């Protein structure tokens, strides 16, 4: 009898613990959007990292720019 009670408690508690261990706070079936990664480009003139302004880039070191 005790073994049956422990089995029932385990069958109820195990899924609850599994959901709590996920830790991301999201509901099932929903996925988070992947974060946008910055484009890692270098200036063709001097090799310094460039600043991306969306439709164009600009080098903070030598001032070169482009699309």
PDB file of N, CA and C in Angstrom:
ATOM      1  N   UNK A   1       0.816  -1.192   0.000  1.00  0.00           N
ATOM      2  CA  UNK A   1       0.000   0.000   0.000  1.00  0.00           C
ATOM      3  C   UNK A   1       0.868   1.267   0.000  1.00  0.00           C
ATOM      4  N   UNK A   2       1.892   1.261   0.845  1.00  0.00           N
ATOM      5  CA  UNK A   2       2.790   2.421   0.904  1.00  0.00           C
ATOM      6  C   UNK A   2       3.530   2.608  -0.418  1.00  0.00           C
ATOM      7  N   UNK A   3       3.887   1.488  -1.041  1.00  0.00           N
ATOM      8  CA  UNK A   3       4.583   1.570  -2.318  1.00  0.00           C
ATOM      9  C   UNK A   3       3.683   2.171  -3.384  1.00  0.00           C
ATOM     10  N   UNK A   4       2.402   1.859  -3.347  1.00  0.00           N
ATOM     11  CA  UNK A   4       1.450   2.413  -4.308  1.00  0.00           C
ATOM     12  C   UNK A   4       1.298   3.917  -4.110  1.00  0.00           C
ATOM     13  N   UNK A   5       1.232   4.361  -2.882  1.00  0.00           N
ATOM     14  CA  UNK A   5       1.124   5.796  -2.586  1.00  0.00           C
ATOM     15  C   UNK A   5       2.376   6.522  -3.056  1.00  0.00           C
ATOM     16  N   UNK A   6       3.552   5.964  -2.790  1.00  0.00           N
ATOM     17  CA  UNK A   6       4.791   6.582  -3.243  1.00  0.00           C
ATOM     18  C   UNK A   6       4.867   6.625  -4.766  1.00  0.00           C
ATOM     19  N   UNK A   7       4.383   5.601  -5.414  1.00  0.00           N
ATOM     20  CA  UNK A   7       4.362   5.570  -6.873  1.00  0.00           C
ATOM     21  C   UNK A   7       3.444   6.654  -7.432  1.00  0.00           C
ATOM     22  N   UNK A   8       2.275   6.841  -6.829  1.00  0.00           N
ATOM     23  CA  UNK A   8       1.345   7.885  -7.272  1.00  0.00           C
ATOM     24  C   UNK A   8       1.926   9.282  -7.030  1.00  0.00           C
ATOM     25  N   UNK A   9       2.548   9.484  -5.892  1.00  0.00           N
ATOM     26  CA  UNK A   9       3.165  10.782  -5.605  1.00  0.00           C
ATOM     27  C   UNK A   9       4.282  11.058  -6.602  1.00  0.00           C
ATOM     28  N   UNK A  10       5.071  10.051  -6.911  1.00  0.00           N
ATOM     29  CA  UNK A  10       6.147  10.219  -7.883  1.00  0.00           C
ATOM     30  C   UNK A  10       5.630  10.516  -9.273  1.00  0.00           C
ATOM     31  N   UNK A  11       4.520   9.880  -9.643  1.00  0.00           N
ATOM     32  CA  UNK A  11       3.942  10.102 -10.968  1.00  0.00           C
ATOM     33  C   UNK A  11       3.380  11.514 -11.098  1.00  0.00           C
ATOM     34  N   UNK A  12       2.949  12.094  -9.997  1.00  0.00           N
ATOM     35  CA  UNK A  12       2.431  13.459 -10.024  1.00  0.00           C
ATOM     36  C   UNK A  12       3.571  14.475  -9.904  1.00  0.00           C
ATOM     37  N   UNK A  13       4.522  14.197  -9.041  1.00  0.00           N
ATOM     38  CA  UNK A  13       5.585  15.161  -8.760  1.00  0.00           C
ATOM     39  C   UNK A  13       6.639  15.223  -9.863  1.00  0.00           C
ATOM     40  N   UNK A  14       6.898  14.145 -10.547  1.00  0.00           N
ATOM     41  CA  UNK A  14       7.962  14.125 -11.553  1.00  0.00           C
ATOM     42  C   UNK A  14       7.723  15.108 -12.695  1.00  0.00           C
ATOM     43  N   UNK A  15       6.535  15.157 -13.316  1.00  0.00           N
ATOM     44  CA  UNK A  15       6.329  16.153 -14.376  1.00  0.00           C
ATOM     45  C   UNK A  15       6.403  17.593 -13.862  1.00  0.00           C
ATOM     46  N   UNK A  16       5.936  17.821 -12.639  1.00  0.00           N
ATOM     47  CA  UNK A  16       6.003  19.163 -12.069  1.00  0.00           C
ATOM     48  C   UNK A  16       7.450  19.574 -11.862  1.00  0.00           C
ATOM     49  N   UNK A  17       8.266  18.686 -11.359  1.00  0.00           N
ATOM     50  CA  UNK A  17       9.682  18.989 -11.158  1.00  0.00           C
ATOM     51  C   UNK A  17      10.401  19.176 -12.489  1.00  0.00           C
ATOM     52  N   UNK A  18      10.013  18.413 -13.486  1.00  0.00           N
ATOM     53  CA  UNK A  18      10.648  18.552 -14.801  1.00  0.00           C
ATOM     54  C   UNK A  18      10.338  19.913 -15.408  1.00  0.00           C
ATOM     55  N   UNK A  19       9.098  20.392 -15.266  1.00  0.00           N
ATOM     56  CA  UNK A  19       8.742  21.715 -15.778  1.00  0.00           C
ATOM     57  C   UNK A  19       9.449  22.820 -14.997  1.00  0.00           C
ATOM     58  N   UNK A  20       9.583  22.638 -13.697  1.00  0.00           N
ATOM     59  CA  UNK A  20      10.263  23.646 -12.882  1.00  0.00           C
ATOM     60  C   UNK A  20      11.750  23.696 -13.195  1.00  0.00           C
ATOM     61  N   UNK A  21      12.329  22.571 -13.587  1.00  0.00           N
ATOM     62  CA  UNK A  21      13.762  22.536 -13.874  1.00  0.00           C
ATOM     63  C   UNK A  21      14.094  23.222 -15.192  1.00  0.00           C
ATOM     64  N   UNK A  22      13.104  23.415 -16.061  1.00  0.00           N
ATOM     65  CA  UNK A  22      13.365  24.112 -17.331  1.00  0.00           C
ATOM     66  C   UNK A  22      13.884  25.507 -17.062  1.00  0.00           C
ATOM     67  N   UNK A  23      13.269  26.212 -16.132  1.00  0.00           N
ATOM     68  CA  UNK A  23      13.778  27.485 -15.678  1.00  0.00           C
ATOM     69  C   UNK A  23      13.671  28.634 -16.662  1.00  0.00           C
ATOM     70  N   UNK A  24      13.150  28.437 -17.861  1.00  0.00           N
ATOM     71  CA  UNK A  24      13.076  29.532 -18.815  1.00  0.00           C
ATOM     72  C   UNK A  24      11.756  30.291 -18.710  1.00  0.00           C
ATOM     73  N   UNK A  25      10.803  29.769 -17.959  1.00  0.00           N
ATOM     74  CA  UNK A  25       9.553  30.464 -17.743  1.00  0.00           C
ATOM     75  C   UNK A  25       8.632  30.500 -18.947  1.00  0.00           C
ATOM     76  N   UNK A  26       8.923  29.751 -19.975  1.00  0.00           N
ATOM     77  CA  UNK A  26       8.094  29.754 -21.167  1.00  0.00           C
ATOM     78  C   UNK A  26       7.114  28.597 -21.109  1.00  0.00           C
ATOM     79  N   UNK A  27       5.976  28.818 -21.764  1.00  0.00           N
ATOM     80  CA  UNK A  27       4.991  27.749 -21.865  1.00  0.00           C
ATOM     81  C   UNK A  27       5.397  26.806 -22.983  1.00  0.00           C
ATOM     82  N   UNK A  28       4.839  25.634 -22.966  1.00  0.00           N
ATOM     83  CA  UNK A  28       5.144  24.666 -24.017  1.00  0.00           C
ATOM     84  C   UNK A  28       4.654  25.167 -25.361  1.00  0.00           C
ATOM     85  N   UNK A  29       5.408  24.841 -26.410  1.00  0.00           N
ATOM     86  CA  UNK A  29       5.010  25.184 -27.755  1.00  0.00           C
ATOM     87  C   UNK A  29       5.448  26.567 -28.194  1.00  0.00           C
ATOM     88  N   UNK A  30       5.938  27.363 -27.313  1.00  0.00           N
ATOM     89  CA  UNK A  30       6.387  28.707 -27.676  1.00  0.00           C
ATOM     90  C   UNK A  30       7.910  28.715 -27.704  1.00  0.00           C
ATOM     91  N   UNK A  31       8.458  29.291 -28.743  1.00  0.00           N
ATOM     92  CA  UNK A  31       9.908  29.396 -28.837  1.00  0.00           C
ATOM     93  C   UNK A  31      10.293  30.863 -28.848  1.00  0.00           C
ATOM     94  N   UNK A  32      11.399  31.158 -28.228  1.00  0.00           N
ATOM     95  CA  UNK A  32      11.883  32.531 -28.187  1.00  0.00           C
ATOM     96  C   UNK A  32      12.577  32.856 -29.499  1.00  0.00           C
ATOM     97  N   UNK A  33      12.448  34.094 -29.911  1.00  0.00           N
ATOM     98  CA  UNK A  33      13.122  34.532 -31.128  1.00  0.00           C
ATOM     99  C   UNK A  33      14.627  34.595 -30.857  1.00  0.00           C
ATOM    100  N   UNK A  34      15.391  34.192 -31.839  1.00  0.00           N
ATOM    101  CA  UNK A  34      16.845  34.220 -31.690  1.00  0.00           C
ATOM    102  C   UNK A  34      17.312  35.672 -31.654  1.00  0.00           C
ATOM    103  N   UNK A  35      18.216  36.006 -30.732  1.00  0.00           N
ATOM    104  CA  UNK A  35      18.708  37.379 -30.686  1.00  0.00           C
ATOM    105  C   UNK A  35      19.499  37.719 -31.942  1.00  0.00           C
ATOM    106  N   UNK A  36      19.369  38.958 -32.389  1.00  0.00           N
ATOM    107  CA  UNK A  36      20.100  39.381 -33.581  1.00  0.00           C
ATOM    108  C   UNK A  36      21.554  39.573 -33.209  1.00  0.00           C
ATOM    109  N   UNK A  37      22.423  39.036 -34.017  1.00  0.00           N
ATOM    110  CA  UNK A  37      23.854  39.173 -33.789  1.00  0.00           C
ATOM    111  C   UNK A  37      24.386  40.312 -34.631  1.00  0.00           C
ATOM    112  N   UNK A  38      25.255  41.091 -34.026  1.00  0.00           N
ATOM    113  CA  UNK A  38      25.851  42.199 -34.748  1.00  0.00           C
ATOM    114  C   UNK A  38      26.772  41.667 -35.833  1.00  0.00           C
ATOM    115  N   UNK A  39      26.784  42.357 -36.954  1.00  0.00           N
ATOM    116  CA  UNK A  39      27.653  41.955 -38.049  1.00  0.00           C
ATOM    117  C   UNK A  39      29.077  42.345 -37.697  1.00  0.00           C
ATOM    118  N   UNK A  40      29.974  41.406 -37.735  1.00  0.00           N
ATOM    119  CA  UNK A  40      31.370  41.650 -37.381  1.00  0.00           C
ATOM    120  C   UNK A  40      32.178  41.876 -38.653  1.00  0.00           C
ATOM    121  N   UNK A  41      32.216  43.141 -39.088  1.00  0.00           N
ATOM    122  CA  UNK A  41      32.923  43.481 -40.316  1.00  0.00           C
ATOM    123  C   UNK A  41      34.148  44.318 -39.973  1.00  0.00           C
ATOM    124  N   UNK A  42      35.079  44.312 -40.892  1.00  0.00           N
ATOM    125  CA  UNK A  42      36.275  45.126 -40.734  1.00  0.00           C
ATOM    126  C   UNK A  42      36.402  46.055 -41.930  1.00  0.00           C
ATOM    127  N   UNK A  43      37.024  47.171 -41.683  1.00  0.00           N
ATOM    128  CA  UNK A  43      37.235  48.170 -42.724  1.00  0.00           C
ATOM    129  C   UNK A  43      38.211  47.621 -43.766  1.00  0.00           C
ATOM    130  N   UNK A  44      37.865  47.717 -45.054  1.00  0.00           N
ATOM    131  CA  UNK A  44      38.786  47.233 -46.082  1.00  0.00           C
ATOM    132  C   UNK A  44      40.027  48.125 -46.215  1.00  0.00           C
ATOM    133  N   UNK A  45      39.958  49.342 -45.698  1.00  0.00           N
ATOM    134  CA  UNK A  45      41.067  50.277 -45.811  1.00  0.00           C
ATOM    135  C   UNK A  45      42.111  50.058 -44.716  1.00  0.00           C
ATOM    136  N   UNK A  46      41.648  49.998 -43.437  1.00  0.00           N
ATOM    137  CA  UNK A  46      42.613  49.915 -42.333  1.00  0.00           C
ATOM    138  C   UNK A  46      42.485  48.647 -41.497  1.00  0.00           C
ATOM    139  N   UNK A  47      41.386  47.895 -41.635  1.00  0.00           N
ATOM    140  CA  UNK A  47      41.213  46.650 -40.888  1.00  0.00           C
ATOM    141  C   UNK A  47      40.571  46.825 -39.528  1.00  0.00           C
ATOM    142  N   UNK A  48      40.226  48.045 -39.160  1.00  0.00           N
ATOM    143  CA  UNK A  48      39.576  48.307 -37.884  1.00  0.00           C
ATOM    144  C   UNK A  48      38.117  47.852 -37.936  1.00  0.00           C
ATOM    145  N   UNK A  49      37.529  47.451 -36.798  1.00  0.00           N
ATOM    146  CA  UNK A  49      36.100  47.086 -36.813  1.00  0.00           C
ATOM    147  C   UNK A  49      35.258  48.288 -37.228  1.00  0.00           C
ATOM    148  N   UNK A  50      34.197  48.039 -37.997  1.00  0.00           N
ATOM    149  CA  UNK A  50      33.338  49.115 -38.491  1.00  0.00           C
ATOM    150  C   UNK A  50      32.068  49.216 -37.662  1.00  0.00           C
ATOM    151  N   UNK A  51      31.423  50.371 -37.728  1.00  0.00           N
ATOM    152  CA  UNK A  51      30.148  50.616 -37.068  1.00  0.00           C
ATOM    153  C   UNK A  51      29.063  50.425 -38.115  1.00  0.00           C
ATOM    154  N   UNK A  52      28.117  49.533 -37.823  1.00  0.00           N
ATOM    155  CA  UNK A  52      27.038  49.248 -38.766  1.00  0.00           C
ATOM    156  C   UNK A  52      25.863  50.155 -38.442  1.00  0.00           C
ATOM    157  N   UNK A  53      25.455  50.987 -39.409  1.00  0.00           N
ATOM    158  CA  UNK A  53      24.338  51.916 -39.226  1.00  0.00           C
ATOM    159  C   UNK A  53      23.092  51.426 -39.957  1.00  0.00           C
ATOM    160  N   UNK A  54      22.998  50.167 -40.214  1.00  0.00           N
ATOM    161  CA  UNK A  54      21.841  49.598 -40.902  1.00  0.00           C
ATOM    162  C   UNK A  54      22.090  49.471 -42.393  1.00  0.00           C
ATOM    163  N   UNK A  55      21.871  50.549 -43.134  1.00  0.00           N
ATOM    164  CA  UNK A  55      22.039  50.469 -44.582  1.00  0.00           C
ATOM    165  C   UNK A  55      23.461  50.820 -45.026  1.00  0.00           C
ATOM    166  N   UNK A  56      24.282  51.345 -44.123  1.00  0.00           N
ATOM    167  CA  UNK A  56      25.670  51.634 -44.474  1.00  0.00           C
ATOM    168  C   UNK A  56      26.570  51.391 -43.265  1.00  0.00           C
ATOM    169  N   UNK A  57      27.851  51.319 -43.506  1.00  0.00           N
ATOM    170  CA  UNK A  57      28.825  51.125 -42.434  1.00  0.00           C
ATOM    171  C   UNK A  57      29.806  52.283 -42.449  1.00  0.00           C
ATOM    172  N   UNK A  58      30.481  52.471 -41.307  1.00  0.00           N
ATOM    173  CA  UNK A  58      31.439  53.552 -41.174  1.00  0.00           C
ATOM    174  C   UNK A  58      32.583  53.093 -40.278  1.00  0.00           C
ATOM    175  N   UNK A  59      33.798  53.420 -40.684  1.00  0.00           N
ATOM    176  CA  UNK A  59      34.967  53.089 -39.876  1.00  0.00           C
ATOM    177  C   UNK A  59      35.230  54.239 -38.910  1.00  0.00           C
ATOM    178  N   UNK A  60      35.319  53.927 -37.639  1.00  0.00           N
ATOM    179  CA  UNK A  60      35.579  54.951 -36.635  1.00  0.00           C
ATOM    180  C   UNK A  60      37.032  55.388 -36.593  1.00  0.00           C
ATOM    181  N   UNK A  61      37.918  54.617 -37.203  1.00  0.00           N
ATOM    182  CA  UNK A  61      39.341  54.938 -37.154  1.00  0.00           C
ATOM    183  C   UNK A  61      39.769  55.818 -38.319  1.00  0.00           C
ATOM    184  N   UNK A  62      39.483  55.385 -39.549  1.00  0.00           N
ATOM    185  CA  UNK A  62      39.963  56.133 -40.712  1.00  0.00           C
ATOM    186  C   UNK A  62      38.874  56.934 -41.420  1.00  0.00           C
ATOM    187  N   UNK A  63      37.584  56.705 -41.037  1.00  0.00           N
ATOM    188  CA  UNK A  63      36.498  57.474 -41.625  1.00  0.00           C
ATOM    189  C   UNK A  63      35.956  56.903 -42.928  1.00  0.00           C
ATOM    190  N   UNK A  64      36.486  55.798 -43.392  1.00  0.00           N
ATOM    191  CA  UNK A  64      35.982  55.182 -44.620  1.00  0.00           C
ATOM    192  C   UNK A  64      34.542  54.738 -44.375  1.00  0.00           C
ATOM    193  N   UNK A  65      33.733  54.657 -45.431  1.00  0.00           N
ATOM    194  CA  UNK A  65      32.339  54.250 -45.296  1.00  0.00           C
ATOM    195  C   UNK A  65      31.878  53.594 -46.593  1.00  0.00           C
ATOM    196  N   UNK A  66      30.718  52.960 -46.517  1.00  0.00           N
ATOM    197  CA  UNK A  66      30.172  52.294 -47.698  1.00  0.00           C
ATOM    198  C   UNK A  66      28.809  51.702 -47.414  1.00  0.00           C
ATOM    199  N   UNK A  67      28.258  51.039 -48.429  1.00  0.00           N
ATOM    200  CA  UNK A  67      26.925  50.418 -48.292  1.00  0.00           C
ATOM    201  C   UNK A  67      27.062  48.950 -48.022  1.00  0.00           C
TER     202      UNK A  67
END
